[in-house]
Amino acid sequence: MDSTRKTAIIVGILFLIATVILIVGGIFSLAIYEPDYLTTVSENENQVILGALLEIAATAAVVGIPIAIFPILKKYNEGLALGYVCTRIFEGLTIFLNTIILLALLSLSNQFVNASTPDISYFETTGALLLGIREWGSLLVDFSFPIGAVIFNYLLYKTKLTPKWIAILGLFGGALWLATTPVRMYGFNPEWMDFLAAPIAFQEMILAIWLIVKGFNTSVAEL
C-alpha cells in the first residue's frame, strides 16, 4: 500500500471520527441546556465528562485531517492548502475552548449543589456567562468549519482527486451552512435551521467512506 492510499484511509477515518463524535458528544452535553442546568449538570457528571472527552477526541481528528492531507494538496495550490490547515486548526482550538467551558460548567454545578446556602445570583450570573461563551464559541466553529469545507472541496473539484459530484455536494453544503452563520450571530436561530447542516454532514460521510474504500484518484494524486 503506497503512501497516498494510506493518507486517504487516514483522512477518511478522521472525517468519520470528527463528524460522528461531535454529534454524539453534543448529545452527552445536553444537560447544560436544561432550565435547571445548575443541578442537572452535576447529576449527570459522568455523562458530561464523557461528552468532554469525546470533544477532545474530535478536536484531535479535526486538526489531524488537514495536517495529514496537506502534503497532497500543496502540490496543486499551496496557498489554499495552507488556508485549509489554518481554518481547521482554528476550528479545533475553538472546540477545545468549548470543552474547557463545559468542564467549568460542571465544576460550577458541583459547587452549587454542594453549597449549604448558595448565592443564587452569583451562580446564575456565572453560569449564564459560561453558556454565552460556549454559544459564541459554537458559532465561531460554525464559521470556520464551512470556510474550510469550501476551500477543501474546491481543491477536490479542481484537482479531481475525488469524483466531482462529491466535491460539488461539499461546496453546496459548506456554502449553505456558512450562509446561516451571520444570521445566527444576530440571534435568528430557529430549530429548523439546524437541518441546513445536513448536506455538508452527509457529504463528509460519503467522502470518508469513499476515501477509505476507493482512495484518491491515483493518476492525479501522484502528479
N, C-alpha and C. Protein backbone atom coordinates (compact mmCIF):
# COMPACT_ATOMS: atom_id res chain seq x y z
N MET A 1 0.84 -1.19 0.00
CA MET A 1 0.00 0.00 0.00
C MET A 1 0.88 1.25 0.00
N ASP A 2 0.69 2.13 -1.03
CA ASP A 2 1.54 3.31 -1.12
C ASP A 2 1.10 4.39 -0.13
N SER A 3 1.92 5.43 0.01
CA SER A 3 1.66 6.48 1.00
C SER A 3 0.37 7.25 0.71
N THR A 4 0.06 7.47 -0.58
CA THR A 4 -1.16 8.20 -0.94
C THR A 4 -2.40 7.43 -0.52
N ARG A 5 -2.37 6.12 -0.71
CA ARG A 5 -3.51 5.27 -0.31
C ARG A 5 -3.66 5.29 1.22
N LYS A 6 -2.54 5.22 1.94
CA LYS A 6 -2.59 5.27 3.40
C LYS A 6 -3.16 6.60 3.87
N THR A 7 -2.73 7.68 3.21
CA THR A 7 -3.24 9.00 3.58
C THR A 7 -4.74 9.09 3.39
N ALA A 8 -5.24 8.54 2.29
CA ALA A 8 -6.68 8.56 2.01
C ALA A 8 -7.45 7.83 3.11
N ILE A 9 -6.94 6.69 3.53
CA ILE A 9 -7.61 5.91 4.58
C ILE A 9 -7.59 6.68 5.90
N ILE A 10 -6.44 7.26 6.24
CA ILE A 10 -6.32 8.02 7.48
C ILE A 10 -7.28 9.21 7.49
N VAL A 11 -7.30 9.96 6.38
CA VAL A 11 -8.18 11.13 6.29
C VAL A 11 -9.64 10.70 6.37
N GLY A 12 -9.99 9.61 5.70
CA GLY A 12 -11.36 9.12 5.74
C GLY A 12 -11.79 8.75 7.15
N ILE A 13 -10.91 8.06 7.87
CA ILE A 13 -11.22 7.66 9.25
C ILE A 13 -11.36 8.89 10.14
N LEU A 14 -10.47 9.87 9.95
CA LEU A 14 -10.53 11.09 10.76
C LEU A 14 -11.82 11.87 10.50
N PHE A 15 -12.28 11.89 9.25
CA PHE A 15 -13.55 12.54 8.94
C PHE A 15 -14.69 11.84 9.67
N LEU A 16 -14.69 10.52 9.67
CA LEU A 16 -15.73 9.78 10.38
C LEU A 16 -15.69 10.08 11.87
N ILE A 17 -14.49 10.06 12.44
CA ILE A 17 -14.35 10.31 13.87
C ILE A 17 -14.85 11.72 14.22
N ALA A 18 -14.40 12.71 13.46
CA ALA A 18 -14.76 14.10 13.75
C ALA A 18 -16.26 14.32 13.69
N THR A 19 -16.89 13.83 12.63
CA THR A 19 -18.33 14.07 12.44
C THR A 19 -19.18 13.30 13.44
N VAL A 20 -18.92 12.00 13.56
CA VAL A 20 -19.74 11.16 14.44
C VAL A 20 -19.56 11.54 15.90
N ILE A 21 -18.31 11.75 16.31
CA ILE A 21 -18.04 12.03 17.73
C ILE A 21 -18.62 13.38 18.14
N LEU A 22 -18.55 14.38 17.26
CA LEU A 22 -19.11 15.69 17.62
C LEU A 22 -20.62 15.59 17.82
N ILE A 23 -21.27 14.78 17.00
CA ILE A 23 -22.72 14.61 17.15
C ILE A 23 -23.04 13.89 18.45
N VAL A 24 -22.33 12.78 18.71
CA VAL A 24 -22.57 12.00 19.93
C VAL A 24 -22.18 12.82 21.16
N GLY A 25 -21.03 13.52 21.08
CA GLY A 25 -20.59 14.34 22.20
C GLY A 25 -21.59 15.42 22.54
N GLY A 26 -22.22 15.99 21.51
CA GLY A 26 -23.24 17.00 21.74
C GLY A 26 -24.43 16.45 22.49
N ILE A 27 -24.79 15.20 22.21
CA ILE A 27 -25.90 14.55 22.91
C ILE A 27 -25.59 14.39 24.39
N PHE A 28 -24.34 13.99 24.69
CA PHE A 28 -23.94 13.80 26.09
C PHE A 28 -23.85 15.13 26.85
N SER A 29 -23.79 16.23 26.12
CA SER A 29 -23.65 17.54 26.77
C SER A 29 -24.98 18.29 26.88
N LEU A 30 -26.08 17.63 26.57
CA LEU A 30 -27.38 18.31 26.55
C LEU A 30 -27.81 18.83 27.91
N ALA A 31 -27.24 18.28 28.99
CA ALA A 31 -27.65 18.69 30.33
C ALA A 31 -27.42 20.18 30.59
N ILE A 32 -26.44 20.77 29.90
CA ILE A 32 -26.14 22.18 30.14
C ILE A 32 -27.21 23.10 29.58
N TYR A 33 -28.09 22.56 28.75
CA TYR A 33 -29.14 23.39 28.14
C TYR A 33 -30.49 23.23 28.84
N GLU A 34 -30.50 22.46 29.93
CA GLU A 34 -31.72 22.33 30.72
C GLU A 34 -31.98 23.61 31.50
N PRO A 35 -33.25 23.97 31.74
CA PRO A 35 -33.55 25.18 32.51
C PRO A 35 -32.89 25.17 33.90
N ASP A 36 -32.85 23.99 34.53
CA ASP A 36 -32.23 23.87 35.85
C ASP A 36 -30.84 23.25 35.75
N TYR A 37 -30.05 23.72 34.77
CA TYR A 37 -28.74 23.12 34.49
C TYR A 37 -27.79 23.16 35.68
N LEU A 38 -27.98 24.12 36.60
CA LEU A 38 -27.09 24.21 37.76
C LEU A 38 -27.16 22.96 38.63
N THR A 39 -28.25 22.24 38.55
CA THR A 39 -28.35 20.98 39.28
C THR A 39 -28.22 19.77 38.35
N THR A 40 -28.80 19.84 37.16
CA THR A 40 -28.80 18.67 36.27
C THR A 40 -27.40 18.34 35.75
N VAL A 41 -26.55 19.34 35.57
CA VAL A 41 -25.19 19.06 35.09
C VAL A 41 -24.45 18.20 36.11
N SER A 42 -24.57 18.56 37.39
CA SER A 42 -23.93 17.78 38.44
C SER A 42 -24.51 16.37 38.53
N GLU A 43 -25.83 16.28 38.38
CA GLU A 43 -26.50 14.97 38.44
C GLU A 43 -26.06 14.06 37.30
N ASN A 44 -25.64 14.65 36.18
CA ASN A 44 -25.20 13.87 35.01
C ASN A 44 -23.69 14.03 34.79
N GLU A 45 -22.94 14.03 35.89
CA GLU A 45 -21.50 14.31 35.82
C GLU A 45 -20.76 13.36 34.88
N ASN A 46 -20.99 12.07 35.02
CA ASN A 46 -20.28 11.10 34.18
C ASN A 46 -20.59 11.31 32.70
N GLN A 47 -21.85 11.60 32.41
CA GLN A 47 -22.27 11.84 31.04
C GLN A 47 -21.59 13.08 30.47
N VAL A 48 -21.51 14.15 31.27
CA VAL A 48 -20.89 15.39 30.82
C VAL A 48 -19.39 15.19 30.60
N ILE A 49 -18.73 14.46 31.51
CA ILE A 49 -17.30 14.19 31.36
C ILE A 49 -17.04 13.38 30.10
N LEU A 50 -17.90 12.40 29.83
CA LEU A 50 -17.76 11.62 28.60
C LEU A 50 -17.92 12.50 27.38
N GLY A 51 -18.88 13.43 27.43
CA GLY A 51 -19.06 14.37 26.33
C GLY A 51 -17.82 15.21 26.12
N ALA A 52 -17.17 15.65 27.22
CA ALA A 52 -15.95 16.44 27.12
C ALA A 52 -14.82 15.63 26.50
N LEU A 53 -14.69 14.37 26.90
CA LEU A 53 -13.64 13.51 26.34
C LEU A 53 -13.86 13.29 24.85
N LEU A 54 -15.11 13.14 24.45
CA LEU A 54 -15.43 12.96 23.04
C LEU A 54 -15.09 14.22 22.24
N GLU A 55 -15.33 15.38 22.83
CA GLU A 55 -15.00 16.64 22.16
C GLU A 55 -13.48 16.78 21.99
N ILE A 56 -12.72 16.32 22.98
CA ILE A 56 -11.26 16.36 22.86
C ILE A 56 -10.80 15.45 21.73
N ALA A 57 -11.40 14.26 21.64
CA ALA A 57 -11.06 13.33 20.56
C ALA A 57 -11.42 13.94 19.20
N ALA A 58 -12.56 14.62 19.15
CA ALA A 58 -12.98 15.27 17.90
C ALA A 58 -12.01 16.39 17.53
N THR A 59 -11.51 17.12 18.53
CA THR A 59 -10.54 18.18 18.27
C THR A 59 -9.29 17.62 17.60
N ALA A 60 -8.80 16.49 18.13
CA ALA A 60 -7.61 15.86 17.54
C ALA A 60 -7.88 15.44 16.10
N ALA A 61 -9.07 14.92 15.82
CA ALA A 61 -9.41 14.49 14.47
C ALA A 61 -9.52 15.67 13.52
N VAL A 62 -10.17 16.75 13.98
CA VAL A 62 -10.35 17.94 13.16
C VAL A 62 -9.00 18.54 12.76
N VAL A 63 -8.07 18.60 13.71
CA VAL A 63 -6.75 19.15 13.42
C VAL A 63 -5.92 18.18 12.58
N GLY A 64 -6.14 16.89 12.80
CA GLY A 64 -5.35 15.89 12.08
C GLY A 64 -5.67 15.79 10.60
N ILE A 65 -6.92 16.09 10.21
CA ILE A 65 -7.32 15.98 8.81
C ILE A 65 -6.47 16.84 7.89
N PRO A 66 -6.39 18.16 8.10
CA PRO A 66 -5.62 18.99 7.17
C PRO A 66 -4.12 18.71 7.22
N ILE A 67 -3.61 18.34 8.41
CA ILE A 67 -2.19 18.03 8.53
C ILE A 67 -1.85 16.79 7.70
N ALA A 68 -2.74 15.79 7.74
CA ALA A 68 -2.49 14.55 7.00
C ALA A 68 -2.56 14.76 5.50
N ILE A 69 -3.49 15.61 5.04
CA ILE A 69 -3.71 15.75 3.60
C ILE A 69 -2.91 16.90 2.98
N PHE A 70 -2.30 17.74 3.81
CA PHE A 70 -1.57 18.90 3.30
C PHE A 70 -0.49 18.53 2.27
N PRO A 71 0.33 17.48 2.51
CA PRO A 71 1.36 17.16 1.52
C PRO A 71 0.82 16.87 0.12
N ILE A 72 -0.42 16.39 0.05
CA ILE A 72 -1.03 16.11 -1.26
C ILE A 72 -1.60 17.39 -1.86
N LEU A 73 -2.33 18.16 -1.06
CA LEU A 73 -2.99 19.36 -1.58
C LEU A 73 -2.00 20.45 -1.99
N LYS A 74 -0.87 20.54 -1.30
CA LYS A 74 0.08 21.63 -1.59
C LYS A 74 0.71 21.50 -2.98
N LYS A 75 0.63 20.32 -3.57
CA LYS A 75 1.17 20.13 -4.92
C LYS A 75 0.37 20.92 -5.95
N TYR A 76 -0.89 21.22 -5.61
CA TYR A 76 -1.77 21.87 -6.57
C TYR A 76 -1.96 23.35 -6.27
N ASN A 77 -2.10 23.68 -5.00
CA ASN A 77 -2.26 25.08 -4.61
C ASN A 77 -1.86 25.20 -3.14
N GLU A 78 -0.61 25.55 -2.91
CA GLU A 78 -0.09 25.58 -1.54
C GLU A 78 -0.78 26.64 -0.69
N GLY A 79 -1.14 27.77 -1.30
CA GLY A 79 -1.81 28.83 -0.56
C GLY A 79 -3.15 28.37 -0.01
N LEU A 80 -3.98 27.77 -0.86
CA LEU A 80 -5.28 27.28 -0.41
C LEU A 80 -5.13 26.11 0.55
N ALA A 81 -4.13 25.28 0.32
CA ALA A 81 -3.87 24.16 1.23
C ALA A 81 -3.54 24.68 2.63
N LEU A 82 -2.71 25.72 2.71
CA LEU A 82 -2.39 26.34 3.99
C LEU A 82 -3.63 26.99 4.61
N GLY A 83 -4.46 27.59 3.76
CA GLY A 83 -5.70 28.17 4.26
C GLY A 83 -6.60 27.13 4.89
N TYR A 84 -6.65 25.95 4.28
CA TYR A 84 -7.45 24.85 4.82
C TYR A 84 -6.89 24.41 6.17
N VAL A 85 -5.58 24.30 6.27
CA VAL A 85 -4.95 23.92 7.53
C VAL A 85 -5.31 24.93 8.62
N CYS A 86 -5.20 26.22 8.31
CA CYS A 86 -5.46 27.28 9.30
C CYS A 86 -6.91 27.27 9.78
N THR A 87 -7.86 27.11 8.85
CA THR A 87 -9.27 27.13 9.26
C THR A 87 -9.61 25.95 10.16
N ARG A 88 -9.04 24.80 9.87
CA ARG A 88 -9.37 23.62 10.67
C ARG A 88 -8.65 23.64 12.02
N ILE A 89 -7.44 24.20 12.07
CA ILE A 89 -6.77 24.35 13.36
C ILE A 89 -7.55 25.33 14.24
N PHE A 90 -8.02 26.43 13.65
CA PHE A 90 -8.85 27.38 14.39
C PHE A 90 -10.12 26.70 14.89
N GLU A 91 -10.73 25.90 14.03
CA GLU A 91 -11.93 25.16 14.42
C GLU A 91 -11.64 24.24 15.59
N GLY A 92 -10.53 23.50 15.51
CA GLY A 92 -10.17 22.57 16.57
C GLY A 92 -9.91 23.27 17.89
N LEU A 93 -9.19 24.39 17.84
CA LEU A 93 -8.90 25.14 19.06
C LEU A 93 -10.18 25.69 19.69
N THR A 94 -11.13 26.09 18.85
CA THR A 94 -12.39 26.62 19.37
C THR A 94 -13.22 25.51 20.01
N ILE A 95 -13.21 24.33 19.41
CA ILE A 95 -13.90 23.19 20.02
C ILE A 95 -13.28 22.87 21.37
N PHE A 96 -11.94 22.93 21.45
CA PHE A 96 -11.25 22.66 22.71
C PHE A 96 -11.63 23.70 23.77
N LEU A 97 -11.73 24.97 23.36
CA LEU A 97 -12.17 26.01 24.28
C LEU A 97 -13.57 25.70 24.81
N ASN A 98 -14.45 25.27 23.92
CA ASN A 98 -15.81 24.90 24.34
C ASN A 98 -15.79 23.75 25.33
N THR A 99 -14.84 22.84 25.17
CA THR A 99 -14.71 21.71 26.10
C THR A 99 -14.31 22.20 27.48
N ILE A 100 -13.39 23.16 27.53
CA ILE A 100 -12.99 23.74 28.81
C ILE A 100 -14.19 24.42 29.48
N ILE A 101 -14.99 25.12 28.69
CA ILE A 101 -16.20 25.77 29.23
C ILE A 101 -17.17 24.73 29.77
N LEU A 102 -17.30 23.62 29.07
CA LEU A 102 -18.19 22.54 29.51
C LEU A 102 -17.76 22.02 30.88
N LEU A 103 -16.46 21.79 31.05
CA LEU A 103 -15.95 21.29 32.33
C LEU A 103 -16.07 22.37 33.42
N ALA A 104 -15.93 23.63 33.03
CA ALA A 104 -16.11 24.72 34.00
C ALA A 104 -17.56 24.75 34.49
N LEU A 105 -18.50 24.50 33.59
CA LEU A 105 -19.92 24.45 33.98
C LEU A 105 -20.18 23.28 34.93
N LEU A 106 -19.48 22.18 34.70
CA LEU A 106 -19.61 21.03 35.61
C LEU A 106 -19.10 21.40 37.00
N SER A 107 -17.96 22.07 37.07
CA SER A 107 -17.41 22.49 38.36
C SER A 107 -18.36 23.46 39.06
N LEU A 108 -18.92 24.39 38.29
CA LEU A 108 -19.86 25.36 38.85
C LEU A 108 -21.09 24.66 39.40
N SER A 109 -21.59 23.69 38.66
CA SER A 109 -22.78 22.95 39.09
C SER A 109 -22.49 22.16 40.37
N ASN A 110 -21.32 21.54 40.44
CA ASN A 110 -20.95 20.79 41.66
C ASN A 110 -20.88 21.73 42.86
N GLN A 111 -20.30 22.91 42.66
CA GLN A 111 -20.21 23.89 43.75
C GLN A 111 -21.61 24.33 44.20
N PHE A 112 -22.48 24.53 43.25
CA PHE A 112 -23.85 24.95 43.56
C PHE A 112 -24.58 23.89 44.37
N VAL A 113 -24.46 22.63 43.95
CA VAL A 113 -25.16 21.54 44.63
C VAL A 113 -24.60 21.31 46.03
N ASN A 114 -23.28 21.45 46.18
CA ASN A 114 -22.65 21.16 47.47
C ASN A 114 -22.68 22.33 48.45
N ALA A 115 -23.01 23.52 47.96
CA ALA A 115 -23.05 24.69 48.84
C ALA A 115 -24.25 24.60 49.77
N SER A 116 -24.02 24.87 51.05
CA SER A 116 -25.12 24.79 52.03
C SER A 116 -26.13 25.91 51.82
N THR A 117 -25.63 27.11 51.55
CA THR A 117 -26.50 28.25 51.25
C THR A 117 -25.95 28.98 50.02
N PRO A 118 -26.21 28.44 48.85
CA PRO A 118 -25.62 29.01 47.63
C PRO A 118 -26.15 30.41 47.32
N ASP A 119 -25.24 31.26 46.84
CA ASP A 119 -25.62 32.59 46.37
C ASP A 119 -26.21 32.43 44.97
N ILE A 120 -27.51 32.37 44.88
CA ILE A 120 -28.18 32.07 43.61
C ILE A 120 -27.76 33.03 42.50
N SER A 121 -27.73 34.32 42.80
CA SER A 121 -27.40 35.30 41.76
C SER A 121 -25.99 35.11 41.22
N TYR A 122 -25.03 34.77 42.11
CA TYR A 122 -23.65 34.53 41.66
C TYR A 122 -23.59 33.35 40.71
N PHE A 123 -24.20 32.25 41.10
CA PHE A 123 -24.14 31.03 40.28
C PHE A 123 -24.88 31.22 38.96
N GLU A 124 -26.02 31.89 38.99
CA GLU A 124 -26.77 32.12 37.76
C GLU A 124 -26.02 33.04 36.81
N THR A 125 -25.39 34.09 37.34
CA THR A 125 -24.63 35.01 36.50
C THR A 125 -23.42 34.33 35.89
N THR A 126 -22.69 33.59 36.72
CA THR A 126 -21.50 32.88 36.22
C THR A 126 -21.90 31.83 35.19
N GLY A 127 -22.97 31.10 35.47
CA GLY A 127 -23.44 30.08 34.53
C GLY A 127 -23.86 30.67 33.20
N ALA A 128 -24.58 31.79 33.27
CA ALA A 128 -25.03 32.45 32.04
C ALA A 128 -23.83 32.93 31.22
N LEU A 129 -22.79 33.42 31.90
CA LEU A 129 -21.59 33.88 31.21
C LEU A 129 -20.90 32.71 30.50
N LEU A 130 -20.75 31.59 31.20
CA LEU A 130 -20.10 30.42 30.61
C LEU A 130 -20.90 29.87 29.43
N LEU A 131 -22.22 29.83 29.59
CA LEU A 131 -23.07 29.36 28.49
C LEU A 131 -22.98 30.29 27.29
N GLY A 132 -22.90 31.61 27.57
CA GLY A 132 -22.76 32.57 26.48
C GLY A 132 -21.46 32.39 25.72
N ILE A 133 -20.37 32.17 26.46
CA ILE A 133 -19.07 31.96 25.81
C ILE A 133 -19.10 30.70 24.96
N ARG A 134 -19.70 29.63 25.49
CA ARG A 134 -19.78 28.38 24.72
C ARG A 134 -20.65 28.56 23.47
N GLU A 135 -21.73 29.33 23.59
CA GLU A 135 -22.58 29.58 22.43
C GLU A 135 -21.83 30.33 21.34
N TRP A 136 -21.09 31.38 21.74
CA TRP A 136 -20.31 32.13 20.76
C TRP A 136 -19.18 31.27 20.19
N GLY A 137 -18.61 30.41 21.03
CA GLY A 137 -17.59 29.50 20.54
C GLY A 137 -18.14 28.56 19.48
N SER A 138 -19.36 28.08 19.70
CA SER A 138 -20.00 27.19 18.72
C SER A 138 -20.26 27.92 17.40
N LEU A 139 -20.62 29.20 17.49
CA LEU A 139 -20.83 29.99 16.28
C LEU A 139 -19.51 30.19 15.52
N LEU A 140 -18.42 30.36 16.26
CA LEU A 140 -17.12 30.50 15.60
C LEU A 140 -16.71 29.19 14.92
N VAL A 141 -17.05 28.07 15.54
CA VAL A 141 -16.81 26.78 14.90
C VAL A 141 -17.62 26.68 13.61
N ASP A 142 -18.88 27.12 13.70
CA ASP A 142 -19.76 27.07 12.53
C ASP A 142 -19.36 28.09 11.46
N PHE A 143 -18.48 28.99 11.79
CA PHE A 143 -17.96 29.95 10.82
C PHE A 143 -16.70 29.41 10.14
N SER A 144 -15.78 28.87 10.92
CA SER A 144 -14.52 28.38 10.36
C SER A 144 -14.70 27.05 9.64
N PHE A 145 -15.58 26.17 10.17
CA PHE A 145 -15.76 24.86 9.55
C PHE A 145 -16.23 24.93 8.10
N PRO A 146 -17.30 25.68 7.79
CA PRO A 146 -17.75 25.71 6.39
C PRO A 146 -16.77 26.42 5.46
N ILE A 147 -16.01 27.40 5.99
CA ILE A 147 -14.99 28.03 5.16
C ILE A 147 -13.95 26.99 4.76
N GLY A 148 -13.52 26.20 5.73
CA GLY A 148 -12.58 25.12 5.44
C GLY A 148 -13.17 24.11 4.47
N ALA A 149 -14.46 23.80 4.65
CA ALA A 149 -15.12 22.83 3.76
C ALA A 149 -15.16 23.33 2.33
N VAL A 150 -15.45 24.62 2.15
CA VAL A 150 -15.49 25.19 0.81
C VAL A 150 -14.11 25.16 0.17
N ILE A 151 -13.08 25.55 0.93
CA ILE A 151 -11.71 25.52 0.40
C ILE A 151 -11.32 24.10 0.00
N PHE A 152 -11.57 23.15 0.90
CA PHE A 152 -11.18 21.76 0.67
C PHE A 152 -11.89 21.18 -0.54
N ASN A 153 -13.19 21.40 -0.64
CA ASN A 153 -13.94 20.81 -1.75
C ASN A 153 -13.66 21.53 -3.07
N TYR A 154 -13.30 22.80 -3.00
CA TYR A 154 -12.86 23.49 -4.22
C TYR A 154 -11.58 22.84 -4.74
N LEU A 155 -10.67 22.52 -3.83
CA LEU A 155 -9.43 21.84 -4.24
C LEU A 155 -9.73 20.45 -4.81
N LEU A 156 -10.66 19.74 -4.17
CA LEU A 156 -11.03 18.42 -4.69
C LEU A 156 -11.64 18.54 -6.09
N TYR A 157 -12.45 19.58 -6.28
CA TYR A 157 -13.10 19.78 -7.58
C TYR A 157 -12.08 20.09 -8.67
N LYS A 158 -11.14 20.99 -8.36
CA LYS A 158 -10.15 21.41 -9.35
C LYS A 158 -9.14 20.32 -9.65
N THR A 159 -8.79 19.54 -8.64
CA THR A 159 -7.74 18.52 -8.83
C THR A 159 -8.29 17.17 -9.29
N LYS A 160 -9.60 16.97 -9.11
CA LYS A 160 -10.23 15.70 -9.46
C LYS A 160 -9.67 14.53 -8.64
N LEU A 161 -9.24 14.84 -7.41
CA LEU A 161 -8.75 13.78 -6.52
C LEU A 161 -9.87 12.82 -6.13
N THR A 162 -11.09 13.33 -6.15
CA THR A 162 -12.28 12.50 -5.92
C THR A 162 -13.29 12.84 -7.03
N PRO A 163 -14.34 12.04 -7.18
CA PRO A 163 -15.35 12.38 -8.18
C PRO A 163 -15.90 13.78 -7.98
N LYS A 164 -16.17 14.48 -9.07
CA LYS A 164 -16.60 15.87 -8.97
C LYS A 164 -17.92 16.02 -8.22
N TRP A 165 -18.80 15.04 -8.31
CA TRP A 165 -20.09 15.18 -7.66
C TRP A 165 -19.95 15.24 -6.13
N ILE A 166 -18.92 14.57 -5.60
CA ILE A 166 -18.67 14.64 -4.17
C ILE A 166 -18.21 16.05 -3.79
N ALA A 167 -17.30 16.61 -4.60
CA ALA A 167 -16.80 17.96 -4.34
C ALA A 167 -17.92 18.99 -4.48
N ILE A 168 -18.78 18.84 -5.49
CA ILE A 168 -19.88 19.79 -5.70
C ILE A 168 -20.85 19.76 -4.53
N LEU A 169 -21.16 18.55 -4.03
CA LEU A 169 -22.04 18.43 -2.87
C LEU A 169 -21.40 19.11 -1.66
N GLY A 170 -20.08 18.96 -1.50
CA GLY A 170 -19.39 19.61 -0.40
C GLY A 170 -19.38 21.12 -0.53
N LEU A 171 -19.19 21.62 -1.75
CA LEU A 171 -19.23 23.07 -1.98
C LEU A 171 -20.61 23.64 -1.65
N PHE A 172 -21.64 22.94 -2.09
CA PHE A 172 -23.01 23.39 -1.81
C PHE A 172 -23.31 23.36 -0.32
N GLY A 173 -22.99 22.21 0.32
CA GLY A 173 -23.27 22.08 1.75
C GLY A 173 -22.49 23.06 2.60
N GLY A 174 -21.21 23.25 2.26
CA GLY A 174 -20.39 24.20 3.02
C GLY A 174 -20.88 25.63 2.86
N ALA A 175 -21.19 26.02 1.63
CA ALA A 175 -21.68 27.38 1.38
C ALA A 175 -23.04 27.61 2.05
N LEU A 176 -23.90 26.60 2.03
CA LEU A 176 -25.21 26.72 2.64
C LEU A 176 -25.10 26.95 4.15
N TRP A 177 -24.25 26.16 4.81
CA TRP A 177 -24.11 26.30 6.25
C TRP A 177 -23.39 27.60 6.61
N LEU A 178 -22.43 28.01 5.79
CA LEU A 178 -21.73 29.28 6.02
C LEU A 178 -22.71 30.45 5.95
N ALA A 179 -23.66 30.38 5.02
CA ALA A 179 -24.62 31.47 4.85
C ALA A 179 -25.51 31.66 6.07
N THR A 180 -25.69 30.60 6.88
CA THR A 180 -26.55 30.72 8.06
C THR A 180 -25.83 31.36 9.25
N THR A 181 -24.51 31.34 9.24
CA THR A 181 -23.75 31.78 10.42
C THR A 181 -23.96 33.25 10.76
N PRO A 182 -23.82 34.17 9.81
CA PRO A 182 -24.05 35.59 10.17
C PRO A 182 -25.45 35.83 10.70
N VAL A 183 -26.44 35.13 10.13
CA VAL A 183 -27.82 35.30 10.60
C VAL A 183 -27.96 34.83 12.04
N ARG A 184 -27.34 33.68 12.36
CA ARG A 184 -27.43 33.15 13.72
C ARG A 184 -26.65 34.01 14.71
N MET A 185 -25.61 34.68 14.25
CA MET A 185 -24.86 35.58 15.13
C MET A 185 -25.72 36.75 15.61
N TYR A 186 -26.73 37.09 14.82
CA TYR A 186 -27.63 38.18 15.19
C TYR A 186 -28.87 37.68 15.92
N GLY A 187 -28.81 36.40 16.34
CA GLY A 187 -29.86 35.89 17.21
C GLY A 187 -30.99 35.16 16.52
N PHE A 188 -30.97 35.10 15.18
CA PHE A 188 -32.03 34.38 14.47
C PHE A 188 -31.58 32.93 14.28
N ASN A 189 -32.11 32.04 15.11
CA ASN A 189 -31.65 30.66 15.07
C ASN A 189 -32.79 29.69 15.37
N PRO A 190 -33.80 29.64 14.49
CA PRO A 190 -34.90 28.70 14.71
C PRO A 190 -34.40 27.26 14.57
N GLU A 191 -35.12 26.34 15.17
CA GLU A 191 -34.69 24.94 15.19
C GLU A 191 -34.54 24.35 13.79
N TRP A 192 -35.40 24.79 12.85
CA TRP A 192 -35.34 24.21 11.51
C TRP A 192 -34.02 24.52 10.80
N MET A 193 -33.33 25.59 11.25
CA MET A 193 -32.10 25.98 10.59
C MET A 193 -30.99 24.94 10.78
N ASP A 194 -31.09 24.15 11.85
CA ASP A 194 -30.09 23.11 12.10
C ASP A 194 -30.08 22.08 10.98
N PHE A 195 -31.22 21.89 10.33
CA PHE A 195 -31.29 20.91 9.25
C PHE A 195 -30.48 21.34 8.02
N LEU A 196 -30.13 22.62 7.95
CA LEU A 196 -29.33 23.08 6.82
C LEU A 196 -27.88 22.60 6.90
N ALA A 197 -27.51 22.02 8.05
CA ALA A 197 -26.17 21.43 8.18
C ALA A 197 -26.14 20.01 7.62
N ALA A 198 -27.32 19.45 7.32
CA ALA A 198 -27.40 18.07 6.86
C ALA A 198 -26.61 17.80 5.57
N PRO A 199 -26.68 18.68 4.55
CA PRO A 199 -25.94 18.38 3.31
C PRO A 199 -24.44 18.23 3.51
N ILE A 200 -23.81 19.11 4.29
CA ILE A 200 -22.36 19.00 4.46
C ILE A 200 -22.01 17.81 5.36
N ALA A 201 -22.86 17.51 6.35
CA ALA A 201 -22.61 16.34 7.20
C ALA A 201 -22.73 15.06 6.37
N PHE A 202 -23.76 15.01 5.52
CA PHE A 202 -23.96 13.86 4.64
C PHE A 202 -22.80 13.71 3.68
N GLN A 203 -22.34 14.83 3.11
CA GLN A 203 -21.23 14.78 2.16
C GLN A 203 -19.95 14.28 2.82
N GLU A 204 -19.70 14.71 4.06
CA GLU A 204 -18.48 14.28 4.74
C GLU A 204 -18.50 12.78 5.02
N MET A 205 -19.68 12.23 5.28
CA MET A 205 -19.78 10.80 5.48
C MET A 205 -19.51 10.05 4.18
N ILE A 206 -20.07 10.56 3.08
CA ILE A 206 -19.82 9.95 1.77
C ILE A 206 -18.34 10.03 1.42
N LEU A 207 -17.76 11.21 1.63
CA LEU A 207 -16.34 11.42 1.32
C LEU A 207 -15.47 10.48 2.15
N ALA A 208 -15.78 10.36 3.44
CA ALA A 208 -14.99 9.49 4.31
C ALA A 208 -15.02 8.05 3.82
N ILE A 209 -16.21 7.56 3.52
CA ILE A 209 -16.34 6.17 3.04
C ILE A 209 -15.62 6.00 1.70
N TRP A 210 -15.75 7.01 0.82
CA TRP A 210 -15.09 6.92 -0.48
C TRP A 210 -13.57 6.84 -0.32
N LEU A 211 -13.02 7.68 0.56
CA LEU A 211 -11.57 7.69 0.76
C LEU A 211 -11.08 6.38 1.35
N ILE A 212 -11.86 5.82 2.27
CA ILE A 212 -11.46 4.55 2.88
C ILE A 212 -11.52 3.41 1.88
N VAL A 213 -12.57 3.38 1.08
CA VAL A 213 -12.79 2.26 0.15
C VAL A 213 -12.03 2.45 -1.17
N LYS A 214 -12.12 3.65 -1.74
CA LYS A 214 -11.56 3.89 -3.07
C LYS A 214 -10.24 4.66 -3.04
N GLY A 215 -10.10 5.58 -2.10
CA GLY A 215 -8.91 6.41 -2.04
C GLY A 215 -8.99 7.56 -3.02
N PHE A 216 -7.85 8.27 -3.17
CA PHE A 216 -7.78 9.38 -4.12
C PHE A 216 -7.59 8.84 -5.54
N ASN A 217 -7.92 9.69 -6.49
CA ASN A 217 -7.65 9.36 -7.89
C ASN A 217 -6.14 9.26 -8.06
N THR A 218 -5.64 8.06 -8.19
CA THR A 218 -4.20 7.81 -8.17
C THR A 218 -3.47 8.57 -9.27
N SER A 219 -4.02 8.61 -10.45
CA SER A 219 -3.34 9.27 -11.58
C SER A 219 -3.15 10.75 -11.32
N VAL A 220 -4.08 11.36 -10.56
CA VAL A 220 -3.97 12.77 -10.23
C VAL A 220 -3.10 12.97 -9.00
N ALA A 221 -3.31 12.13 -7.97
CA ALA A 221 -2.63 12.29 -6.70
C ALA A 221 -1.12 12.17 -6.83
N GLU A 222 -0.65 11.46 -7.83
CA GLU A 222 0.79 11.23 -7.96
C GLU A 222 1.48 12.28 -8.84
N LEU A 223 0.71 13.27 -9.31
CA LEU A 223 1.32 14.32 -10.11
C LEU A 223 2.36 15.12 -9.32
